[in-house]
């Protein structure tokens, strides 16, 4: 039997959830999400200086700073980025729109 791949979740995603939850835009907070992801076996990808440097080289196709950082992280690591945001389609790297 083939071993399942590790699922990484960026700490940037938890940051975004924390902000949106505090603004009343999301019913689930970052702590609950973190606990659920840990329970499911996900690993967290920290924000590193290399990710910030890669962000500077990205084209300005999308204005969401969280999405742009996720793209930079996916490029540097390299990892697949799974998103529903069609606006990210033009960026380099392995981006999968679902």
PDB file of N, CA and C in Angstrom:
ATOM      1  N   UNK A   1       0.841  -1.182   0.000  1.00  0.00           N
ATOM      2  CA  UNK A   1       0.000   0.000   0.000  1.00  0.00           C
ATOM      3  C   UNK A   1       0.882   1.239   0.000  1.00  0.00           C
ATOM      4  N   UNK A   2       0.513   2.224  -0.820  1.00  0.00           N
ATOM      5  CA  UNK A   2       1.286   3.455  -0.952  1.00  0.00           C
ATOM      6  C   UNK A   2       0.999   4.385   0.229  1.00  0.00           C
ATOM      7  N   UNK A   3       2.060   4.987   0.767  1.00  0.00           N
ATOM      8  CA  UNK A   3       1.930   5.923   1.881  1.00  0.00           C
ATOM      9  C   UNK A   3       1.339   7.242   1.386  1.00  0.00           C
ATOM     10  N   UNK A   4       0.424   7.786   2.166  1.00  0.00           N
ATOM     11  CA  UNK A   4      -0.196   9.066   1.810  1.00  0.00           C
ATOM     12  C   UNK A   4       0.835  10.185   1.898  1.00  0.00           C
ATOM     13  N   UNK A   5       0.697  11.165   1.037  1.00  0.00           N
ATOM     14  CA  UNK A   5       1.581  12.334   1.059  1.00  0.00           C
ATOM     15  C   UNK A   5       1.259  13.212   2.264  1.00  0.00           C
ATOM     16  N   UNK A   6       2.280  13.906   2.736  1.00  0.00           N
ATOM     17  CA  UNK A   6       2.078  14.850   3.838  1.00  0.00           C
ATOM     18  C   UNK A   6       1.319  16.064   3.328  1.00  0.00           C
ATOM     19  N   UNK A   7       0.374  16.510   4.111  1.00  0.00           N
ATOM     20  CA  UNK A   7      -0.373  17.724   3.798  1.00  0.00           C
ATOM     21  C   UNK A   7       0.211  18.849   4.638  1.00  0.00           C
ATOM     22  N   UNK A   8       0.658  19.896   3.963  1.00  0.00           N
ATOM     23  CA  UNK A   8       1.189  21.072   4.647  1.00  0.00           C
ATOM     24  C   UNK A   8       0.160  22.187   4.581  1.00  0.00           C
ATOM     25  N   UNK A   9       0.004  22.882   5.684  1.00  0.00           N
ATOM     26  CA  UNK A   9      -0.857  24.060   5.741  1.00  0.00           C
ATOM     27  C   UNK A   9       0.020  25.213   6.207  1.00  0.00           C
ATOM     28  N   UNK A  10      -0.016  26.283   5.469  1.00  0.00           N
ATOM     29  CA  UNK A  10       0.804  27.441   5.809  1.00  0.00           C
ATOM     30  C   UNK A  10       0.267  28.148   7.054  1.00  0.00           C
ATOM     31  N   UNK A  11       1.185  28.593   7.883  1.00  0.00           N
ATOM     32  CA  UNK A  11       0.780  29.417   9.026  1.00  0.00           C
ATOM     33  C   UNK A  11       0.146  30.721   8.533  1.00  0.00           C
ATOM     34  N   UNK A  12       0.430  31.095   7.301  1.00  0.00           N
ATOM     35  CA  UNK A  12      -0.193  32.276   6.695  1.00  0.00           C
ATOM     36  C   UNK A  12      -1.708  32.073   6.594  1.00  0.00           C
ATOM     37  N   UNK A  13      -2.138  30.841   6.325  1.00  0.00           N
ATOM     38  CA  UNK A  13      -3.574  30.551   6.263  1.00  0.00           C
ATOM     39  C   UNK A  13      -4.229  30.712   7.624  1.00  0.00           C
ATOM     40  N   UNK A  14      -3.550  30.254   8.677  1.00  0.00           N
ATOM     41  CA  UNK A  14      -4.084  30.450  10.027  1.00  0.00           C
ATOM     42  C   UNK A  14      -4.164  31.934  10.377  1.00  0.00           C
ATOM     43  N   UNK A  15      -3.176  32.695   9.955  1.00  0.00           N
ATOM     44  CA  UNK A  15      -3.155  34.135  10.177  1.00  0.00           C
ATOM     45  C   UNK A  15      -4.380  34.785   9.518  1.00  0.00           C
ATOM     46  N   UNK A  16      -4.635  34.393   8.264  1.00  0.00           N
ATOM     47  CA  UNK A  16      -5.775  34.961   7.544  1.00  0.00           C
ATOM     48  C   UNK A  16      -7.090  34.577   8.216  1.00  0.00           C
ATOM     49  N   UNK A  17      -7.217  33.324   8.638  1.00  0.00           N
ATOM     50  CA  UNK A  17      -8.435  32.882   9.318  1.00  0.00           C
ATOM     51  C   UNK A  17      -8.627  33.655  10.623  1.00  0.00           C
ATOM     52  N   UNK A  18      -7.544  33.869  11.372  1.00  0.00           N
ATOM     53  CA  UNK A  18      -7.640  34.621  12.627  1.00  0.00           C
ATOM     54  C   UNK A  18      -8.174  36.028  12.384  1.00  0.00           C
ATOM     55  N   UNK A  19      -7.686  36.686  11.348  1.00  0.00           N
ATOM     56  CA  UNK A  19      -8.144  38.038  11.024  1.00  0.00           C
ATOM     57  C   UNK A  19      -9.607  38.030  10.603  1.00  0.00           C
ATOM     58  N   UNK A  20      -9.964  37.117   9.686  1.00  0.00           N
ATOM     59  CA  UNK A  20     -11.347  37.084   9.183  1.00  0.00           C
ATOM     60  C   UNK A  20     -12.331  36.684  10.280  1.00  0.00           C
ATOM     61  N   UNK A  21     -11.924  35.800  11.170  1.00  0.00           N
ATOM     62  CA  UNK A  21     -12.793  35.409  12.274  1.00  0.00           C
ATOM     63  C   UNK A  21     -13.017  36.594  13.223  1.00  0.00           C
ATOM     64  N   UNK A  22     -11.953  37.336  13.511  1.00  0.00           N
ATOM     65  CA  UNK A  22     -12.086  38.487  14.422  1.00  0.00           C
ATOM     66  C   UNK A  22     -12.963  39.580  13.830  1.00  0.00           C
ATOM     67  N   UNK A  23     -13.062  39.615  12.497  1.00  0.00           N
ATOM     68  CA  UNK A  23     -13.919  40.597  11.818  1.00  0.00           C
ATOM     69  C   UNK A  23     -15.351  40.088  11.624  1.00  0.00           C
ATOM     70  N   UNK A  24     -15.600  38.841  12.056  1.00  0.00           N
ATOM     71  CA  UNK A  24     -16.931  38.261  11.906  1.00  0.00           C
ATOM     72  C   UNK A  24     -17.213  37.703  10.526  1.00  0.00           C
ATOM     73  N   UNK A  25     -16.177  37.516   9.715  1.00  0.00           N
ATOM     74  CA  UNK A  25     -16.353  37.015   8.351  1.00  0.00           C
ATOM     75  C   UNK A  25     -16.276  35.493   8.255  1.00  0.00           C
ATOM     76  N   UNK A  26     -15.775  34.838   9.312  1.00  0.00           N
ATOM     77  CA  UNK A  26     -15.690  33.377   9.349  1.00  0.00           C
ATOM     78  C   UNK A  26     -16.209  32.888  10.694  1.00  0.00           C
ATOM     79  N   UNK A  27     -17.012  31.806  10.686  1.00  0.00           N
ATOM     80  CA  UNK A  27     -17.535  31.297  11.955  1.00  0.00           C
ATOM     81  C   UNK A  27     -16.514  30.492  12.767  1.00  0.00           C
ATOM     82  N   UNK A  28     -15.484  29.993  12.120  1.00  0.00           N
ATOM     83  CA  UNK A  28     -14.475  29.164  12.787  1.00  0.00           C
ATOM     84  C   UNK A  28     -13.203  29.980  12.997  1.00  0.00           C
ATOM     85  N   UNK A  29     -12.661  29.914  14.205  1.00  0.00           N
ATOM     86  CA  UNK A  29     -11.446  30.645  14.516  1.00  0.00           C
ATOM     87  C   UNK A  29     -10.198  29.854  14.193  1.00  0.00           C
ATOM     88  N   UNK A  30      -9.064  30.515  14.266  1.00  0.00           N
ATOM     89  CA  UNK A  30      -7.780  29.908  13.928  1.00  0.00           C
ATOM     90  C   UNK A  30      -7.416  28.776  14.885  1.00  0.00           C
ATOM     91  N   UNK A  31      -7.741  28.924  16.150  1.00  0.00           N
ATOM     92  CA  UNK A  31      -7.391  27.873  17.120  1.00  0.00           C
ATOM     93  C   UNK A  31      -8.141  26.575  16.819  1.00  0.00           C
ATOM     94  N   UNK A  32      -9.435  26.679  16.532  1.00  0.00           N
ATOM     95  CA  UNK A  32     -10.226  25.493  16.194  1.00  0.00           C
ATOM     96  C   UNK A  32      -9.714  24.858  14.902  1.00  0.00           C
ATOM     97  N   UNK A  33      -9.389  25.693  13.926  1.00  0.00           N
ATOM     98  CA  UNK A  33      -8.860  25.168  12.667  1.00  0.00           C
ATOM     99  C   UNK A  33      -7.527  24.471  12.896  1.00  0.00           C
ATOM    100  N   UNK A  34      -6.649  25.103  13.657  1.00  0.00           N
ATOM    101  CA  UNK A  34      -5.352  24.496  13.961  1.00  0.00           C
ATOM    102  C   UNK A  34      -5.515  23.139  14.630  1.00  0.00           C
ATOM    103  N   UNK A  35      -6.377  23.082  15.632  1.00  0.00           N
ATOM    104  CA  UNK A  35      -6.590  21.833  16.344  1.00  0.00           C
ATOM    105  C   UNK A  35      -7.129  20.742  15.423  1.00  0.00           C
ATOM    106  N   UNK A  36      -8.059  21.106  14.547  1.00  0.00           N
ATOM    107  CA  UNK A  36      -8.616  20.140  13.598  1.00  0.00           C
ATOM    108  C   UNK A  36      -7.543  19.641  12.630  1.00  0.00           C
ATOM    109  N   UNK A  37      -6.739  20.549  12.122  1.00  0.00           N
ATOM    110  CA  UNK A  37      -5.688  20.158  11.180  1.00  0.00           C
ATOM    111  C   UNK A  37      -4.655  19.251  11.845  1.00  0.00           C
ATOM    112  N   UNK A  38      -4.297  19.544  13.087  1.00  0.00           N
ATOM    113  CA  UNK A  38      -3.372  18.680  13.825  1.00  0.00           C
ATOM    114  C   UNK A  38      -3.989  17.295  13.988  1.00  0.00           C
ATOM    115  N   UNK A  39      -5.265  17.235  14.342  1.00  0.00           N
ATOM    116  CA  UNK A  39      -5.970  15.970  14.509  1.00  0.00           C
ATOM    117  C   UNK A  39      -5.962  15.156  13.208  1.00  0.00           C
ATOM    118  N   UNK A  40      -6.050  15.862  12.074  1.00  0.00           N
ATOM    119  CA  UNK A  40      -6.065  15.192  10.765  1.00  0.00           C
ATOM    120  C   UNK A  40      -4.663  14.832  10.264  1.00  0.00           C
ATOM    121  N   UNK A  41      -3.631  15.236  10.992  1.00  0.00           N
ATOM    122  CA  UNK A  41      -2.269  14.875  10.618  1.00  0.00           C
ATOM    123  C   UNK A  41      -1.552  15.870   9.728  1.00  0.00           C
ATOM    124  N   UNK A  42      -2.122  17.044   9.544  1.00  0.00           N
ATOM    125  CA  UNK A  42      -1.457  18.066   8.725  1.00  0.00           C
ATOM    126  C   UNK A  42      -0.234  18.595   9.451  1.00  0.00           C
ATOM    127  N   UNK A  43       0.728  19.056   8.674  1.00  0.00           N
ATOM    128  CA  UNK A  43       1.909  19.721   9.227  1.00  0.00           C
ATOM    129  C   UNK A  43       1.868  21.184   8.817  1.00  0.00           C
ATOM    130  N   UNK A  44       2.430  22.040   9.673  1.00  0.00           N
ATOM    131  CA  UNK A  44       2.390  23.470   9.398  1.00  0.00           C
ATOM    132  C   UNK A  44       3.689  23.953   8.778  1.00  0.00           C
ATOM    133  N   UNK A  45       3.535  24.760   7.751  1.00  0.00           N
ATOM    134  CA  UNK A  45       4.663  25.371   7.058  1.00  0.00           C
ATOM    135  C   UNK A  45       4.868  26.762   7.637  1.00  0.00           C
ATOM    136  N   UNK A  46       6.018  27.012   8.265  1.00  0.00           N
ATOM    137  CA  UNK A  46       6.253  28.345   8.828  1.00  0.00           C
ATOM    138  C   UNK A  46       6.566  29.364   7.737  1.00  0.00           C
ATOM    139  N   UNK A  47       6.434  30.609   8.077  1.00  0.00           N
ATOM    140  CA  UNK A  47       6.813  31.694   7.173  1.00  0.00           C
ATOM    141  C   UNK A  47       8.298  31.966   7.373  1.00  0.00           C
ATOM    142  N   UNK A  48       9.076  31.845   6.308  1.00  0.00           N
ATOM    143  CA  UNK A  48      10.527  32.000   6.365  1.00  0.00           C
ATOM    144  C   UNK A  48      10.983  33.221   5.562  1.00  0.00           C
ATOM    145  N   UNK A  49      12.174  33.732   5.862  1.00  0.00           N
ATOM    146  CA  UNK A  49      12.698  34.867   5.080  1.00  0.00           C
ATOM    147  C   UNK A  49      12.750  34.577   3.576  1.00  0.00           C
ATOM    148  N   UNK A  50      13.066  33.342   3.209  1.00  0.00           N
ATOM    149  CA  UNK A  50      13.139  32.985   1.786  1.00  0.00           C
ATOM    150  C   UNK A  50      11.791  33.165   1.101  1.00  0.00           C
ATOM    151  N   UNK A  51      10.710  32.908   1.831  1.00  0.00           N
ATOM    152  CA  UNK A  51       9.375  33.091   1.259  1.00  0.00           C
ATOM    153  C   UNK A  51       9.112  34.574   0.994  1.00  0.00           C
ATOM    154  N   UNK A  52       9.541  35.416   1.925  1.00  0.00           N
ATOM    155  CA  UNK A  52       9.354  36.863   1.763  1.00  0.00           C
ATOM    156  C   UNK A  52      10.152  37.389   0.573  1.00  0.00           C
ATOM    157  N   UNK A  53      11.360  36.874   0.400  1.00  0.00           N
ATOM    158  CA  UNK A  53      12.186  37.296  -0.733  1.00  0.00           C
ATOM    159  C   UNK A  53      11.573  36.851  -2.053  1.00  0.00           C
ATOM    160  N   UNK A  54      10.994  35.642  -2.093  1.00  0.00           N
ATOM    161  CA  UNK A  54      10.357  35.148  -3.317  1.00  0.00           C
ATOM    162  C   UNK A  54       9.124  35.968  -3.666  1.00  0.00           C
ATOM    163  N   UNK A  55       8.446  36.463  -2.656  1.00  0.00           N
ATOM    164  CA  UNK A  55       7.255  37.281  -2.882  1.00  0.00           C
ATOM    165  C   UNK A  55       7.588  38.518  -3.717  1.00  0.00           C
ATOM    166  N   UNK A  56       8.737  39.092  -3.478  1.00  0.00           N
ATOM    167  CA  UNK A  56       9.135  40.308  -4.194  1.00  0.00           C
ATOM    168  C   UNK A  56       9.277  40.079  -5.695  1.00  0.00           C
ATOM    169  N   UNK A  57       9.540  38.853  -6.090  1.00  0.00           N
ATOM    170  CA  UNK A  57       9.721  38.553  -7.503  1.00  0.00           C
ATOM    171  C   UNK A  57       8.463  38.135  -8.241  1.00  0.00           C
ATOM    172  N   UNK A  58       7.341  38.075  -7.536  1.00  0.00           N
ATOM    173  CA  UNK A  58       6.095  37.648  -8.191  1.00  0.00           C
ATOM    174  C   UNK A  58       5.479  38.784  -9.005  1.00  0.00           C
ATOM    175  N   UNK A  59       4.876  38.454 -10.142  1.00  0.00           N
ATOM    176  CA  UNK A  59       4.155  39.483 -10.896  1.00  0.00           C
ATOM    177  C   UNK A  59       2.918  39.931 -10.115  1.00  0.00           C
ATOM    178  N   UNK A  60       2.453  41.126 -10.374  1.00  0.00           N
ATOM    179  CA  UNK A  60       1.298  41.685  -9.659  1.00  0.00           C
ATOM    180  C   UNK A  60      -0.011  41.320 -10.360  1.00  0.00           C
ATOM    181  N   UNK A  61      -0.340  40.033 -10.340  1.00  0.00           N
ATOM    182  CA  UNK A  61      -1.564  39.564 -10.986  1.00  0.00           C
ATOM    183  C   UNK A  61      -2.748  39.535 -10.029  1.00  0.00           C
ATOM    184  N   UNK A  62      -2.461  39.596  -8.736  1.00  0.00           N
ATOM    185  CA  UNK A  62      -3.496  39.439  -7.720  1.00  0.00           C
ATOM    186  C   UNK A  62      -3.125  40.310  -6.522  1.00  0.00           C
ATOM    187  N   UNK A  63      -4.103  40.964  -5.918  1.00  0.00           N
ATOM    188  CA  UNK A  63      -3.782  41.919  -4.856  1.00  0.00           C
ATOM    189  C   UNK A  63      -3.855  41.341  -3.445  1.00  0.00           C
ATOM    190  N   UNK A  64      -4.363  40.114  -3.280  1.00  0.00           N
ATOM    191  CA  UNK A  64      -4.501  39.540  -1.940  1.00  0.00           C
ATOM    192  C   UNK A  64      -3.130  39.144  -1.392  1.00  0.00           C
ATOM    193  N   UNK A  65      -2.672  39.798  -0.319  1.00  0.00           N
ATOM    194  CA  UNK A  65      -1.324  39.517   0.193  1.00  0.00           C
ATOM    195  C   UNK A  65      -1.173  38.100   0.734  1.00  0.00           C
ATOM    196  N   UNK A  66      -2.238  37.531   1.275  1.00  0.00           N
ATOM    197  CA  UNK A  66      -2.157  36.165   1.793  1.00  0.00           C
ATOM    198  C   UNK A  66      -1.958  35.172   0.646  1.00  0.00           C
ATOM    199  N   UNK A  67      -2.747  35.320  -0.417  1.00  0.00           N
ATOM    200  CA  UNK A  67      -2.609  34.428  -1.563  1.00  0.00           C
ATOM    201  C   UNK A  67      -1.231  34.545  -2.196  1.00  0.00           C
ATOM    202  N   UNK A  68      -0.735  35.764  -2.298  1.00  0.00           N
ATOM    203  CA  UNK A  68       0.592  35.959  -2.895  1.00  0.00           C
ATOM    204  C   UNK A  68       1.683  35.282  -2.057  1.00  0.00           C
ATOM    205  N   UNK A  69       1.558  35.326  -0.737  1.00  0.00           N
ATOM    206  CA  UNK A  69       2.538  34.664   0.115  1.00  0.00           C
ATOM    207  C   UNK A  69       2.426  33.152  -0.011  1.00  0.00           C
ATOM    208  N   UNK A  70       1.221  32.622  -0.123  1.00  0.00           N
ATOM    209  CA  UNK A  70       1.053  31.181  -0.318  1.00  0.00           C
ATOM    210  C   UNK A  70       1.708  30.731  -1.621  1.00  0.00           C
ATOM    211  N   UNK A  71       1.597  31.547  -2.654  1.00  0.00           N
ATOM    212  CA  UNK A  71       2.247  31.230  -3.930  1.00  0.00           C
ATOM    213  C   UNK A  71       3.761  31.233  -3.754  1.00  0.00           C
ATOM    214  N   UNK A  72       4.286  32.249  -3.094  1.00  0.00           N
ATOM    215  CA  UNK A  72       5.730  32.330  -2.866  1.00  0.00           C
ATOM    216  C   UNK A  72       6.217  31.113  -2.082  1.00  0.00           C
ATOM    217  N   UNK A  73       5.483  30.713  -1.058  1.00  0.00           N
ATOM    218  CA  UNK A  73       5.874  29.540  -0.279  1.00  0.00           C
ATOM    219  C   UNK A  73       5.865  28.286  -1.142  1.00  0.00           C
ATOM    220  N   UNK A  74       4.832  28.131  -1.952  1.00  0.00           N
ATOM    221  CA  UNK A  74       4.737  26.944  -2.813  1.00  0.00           C
ATOM    222  C   UNK A  74       5.896  26.882  -3.804  1.00  0.00           C
ATOM    223  N   UNK A  75       6.316  28.017  -4.301  1.00  0.00           N
ATOM    224  CA  UNK A  75       7.435  28.052  -5.251  1.00  0.00           C
ATOM    225  C   UNK A  75       8.746  27.695  -4.555  1.00  0.00           C
ATOM    226  N   UNK A  76       8.991  28.286  -3.398  1.00  0.00           N
ATOM    227  CA  UNK A  76      10.259  28.079  -2.690  1.00  0.00           C
ATOM    228  C   UNK A  76      10.409  26.640  -2.203  1.00  0.00           C
ATOM    229  N   UNK A  77       9.348  26.026  -1.713  1.00  0.00           N
ATOM    230  CA  UNK A  77       9.477  24.742  -1.017  1.00  0.00           C
ATOM    231  C   UNK A  77       9.890  23.539  -1.868  1.00  0.00           C
ATOM    232  N   UNK A  78       9.598  23.216  -2.988  1.00  0.00           N
ATOM    233  CA  UNK A  78       8.398  23.474  -3.784  1.00  0.00           C
ATOM    234  C   UNK A  78       7.250  22.546  -3.351  1.00  0.00           C
ATOM    235  N   UNK A  79       6.055  23.122  -3.333  1.00  0.00           N
ATOM    236  CA  UNK A  79       4.844  22.389  -2.965  1.00  0.00           C
ATOM    237  C   UNK A  79       3.737  22.731  -3.955  1.00  0.00           C
ATOM    238  N   UNK A  80       2.720  21.895  -3.986  1.00  0.00           N
ATOM    239  CA  UNK A  80       1.532  22.179  -4.780  1.00  0.00           C
ATOM    240  C   UNK A  80       0.629  23.102  -3.966  1.00  0.00           C
ATOM    241  N   UNK A  81       0.102  24.138  -4.605  1.00  0.00           N
ATOM    242  CA  UNK A  81      -0.869  25.021  -3.977  1.00  0.00           C
ATOM    243  C   UNK A  81      -2.238  24.665  -4.532  1.00  0.00           C
ATOM    244  N   UNK A  82      -3.162  24.322  -3.636  1.00  0.00           N
ATOM    245  CA  UNK A  82      -4.519  23.986  -4.044  1.00  0.00           C
ATOM    246  C   UNK A  82      -5.421  25.133  -3.617  1.00  0.00           C
ATOM    247  N   UNK A  83      -6.175  25.677  -4.574  1.00  0.00           N
ATOM    248  CA  UNK A  83      -7.012  26.849  -4.325  1.00  0.00           C
ATOM    249  C   UNK A  83      -8.260  26.798  -5.194  1.00  0.00           C
ATOM    250  N   UNK A  84      -9.216  27.616  -4.848  1.00  0.00           N
ATOM    251  CA  UNK A  84     -10.399  27.775  -5.702  1.00  0.00           C
ATOM    252  C   UNK A  84     -10.359  29.105  -6.456  1.00  0.00           C
ATOM    253  N   UNK A  85      -9.337  29.895  -6.234  1.00  0.00           N
ATOM    254  CA  UNK A  85      -9.242  31.247  -6.788  1.00  0.00           C
ATOM    255  C   UNK A  85      -8.650  31.228  -8.196  1.00  0.00           C
ATOM    256  N   UNK A  86      -9.500  31.436  -9.174  1.00  0.00           N
ATOM    257  CA  UNK A  86      -9.077  31.439 -10.583  1.00  0.00           C
ATOM    258  C   UNK A  86      -8.038  32.523 -10.879  1.00  0.00           C
ATOM    259  N   UNK A  87      -8.022  33.590 -10.096  1.00  0.00           N
ATOM    260  CA  UNK A  87      -7.089  34.693 -10.331  1.00  0.00           C
ATOM    261  C   UNK A  87      -5.631  34.272 -10.139  1.00  0.00           C
ATOM    262  N   UNK A  88      -5.398  33.140  -9.506  1.00  0.00           N
ATOM    263  CA  UNK A  88      -4.031  32.679  -9.264  1.00  0.00           C
ATOM    264  C   UNK A  88      -3.479  31.851 -10.413  1.00  0.00           C
ATOM    265  N   UNK A  89      -4.292  31.581 -11.396  1.00  0.00           N
ATOM    266  CA  UNK A  89      -3.913  30.707 -12.501  1.00  0.00           C
ATOM    267  C   UNK A  89      -2.671  31.187 -13.248  1.00  0.00           C
ATOM    268  N   UNK A  90      -2.435  32.463 -13.347  1.00  0.00           N
ATOM    269  CA  UNK A  90      -1.314  32.991 -14.127  1.00  0.00           C
ATOM    270  C   UNK A  90       0.023  32.986 -13.435  1.00  0.00           C
ATOM    271  N   UNK A  91       0.063  32.584 -12.181  1.00  0.00           N
ATOM    272  CA  UNK A  91       1.329  32.589 -11.445  1.00  0.00           C
ATOM    273  C   UNK A  91       2.156  31.351 -11.751  1.00  0.00           C
ATOM    274  N   UNK A  92       3.484  31.467 -11.610  1.00  0.00           N
ATOM    275  CA  UNK A  92       4.345  30.305 -11.804  1.00  0.00           C
ATOM    276  C   UNK A  92       4.178  29.318 -10.647  1.00  0.00           C
ATOM    277  N   UNK A  93       4.688  28.130 -10.838  1.00  0.00           N
ATOM    278  CA  UNK A  93       4.625  27.126  -9.784  1.00  0.00           C
ATOM    279  C   UNK A  93       3.507  26.142 -10.049  1.00  0.00           C
ATOM    280  N   UNK A  94       3.344  25.251  -9.135  1.00  0.00           N
ATOM    281  CA  UNK A  94       2.349  24.186  -9.250  1.00  0.00           C
ATOM    282  C   UNK A  94       1.074  24.598  -8.524  1.00  0.00           C
ATOM    283  N   UNK A  95       0.209  25.303  -9.242  1.00  0.00           N
ATOM    284  CA  UNK A  95      -1.047  25.792  -8.679  1.00  0.00           C
ATOM    285  C   UNK A  95      -2.188  25.010  -9.295  1.00  0.00           C
ATOM    286  N   UNK A  96      -3.017  24.436  -8.430  1.00  0.00           N
ATOM    287  CA  UNK A  96      -4.144  23.617  -8.878  1.00  0.00           C
ATOM    288  C   UNK A  96      -5.431  24.292  -8.453  1.00  0.00           C
ATOM    289  N   UNK A  97      -6.260  24.645  -9.449  1.00  0.00           N
ATOM    290  CA  UNK A  97      -7.542  25.279  -9.188  1.00  0.00           C
ATOM    291  C   UNK A  97      -8.582  24.171  -9.057  1.00  0.00           C
ATOM    292  N   UNK A  98      -9.274  24.149  -7.921  1.00  0.00           N
ATOM    293  CA  UNK A  98     -10.309  23.124  -7.699  1.00  0.00           C
ATOM    294  C   UNK A  98     -11.664  23.772  -7.496  1.00  0.00           C
TER     295      UNK A  98
END
